[in-house]
Amino acid sequence: MGRASYAVLEQGDQWVVLHDGETNGDFATKEAAFESAVAAASLAIRQGHEVLVSAPGRDAGNGTALGAKVDAHESPKN
């Protein structure tokens, strides 16, 4: 079996999952994109594939742990 890789990426003010060279989804948070990637990876692992899932740290996106938009009156938590 092959390798299935899923990468959570920032795209504009949304988050997407890169798989097989294509991006999927428009997620409001990095966490939502990650959950989608893990669900897909779960199916792939049941089929016998090697699975890789990656997501950026806090520095990506809006500087928040989950990559959610920050309101104008809030500041990112460090």
Foldseek 3Di string as FASTA:
>chain_A
DEEWEWEWDDDPQFIWIDTPNDTDDGHQWSVVRQVVQVVVQVVVVVVPHHYYYYYDALVPAQSERTNHDDDPVDHHDD
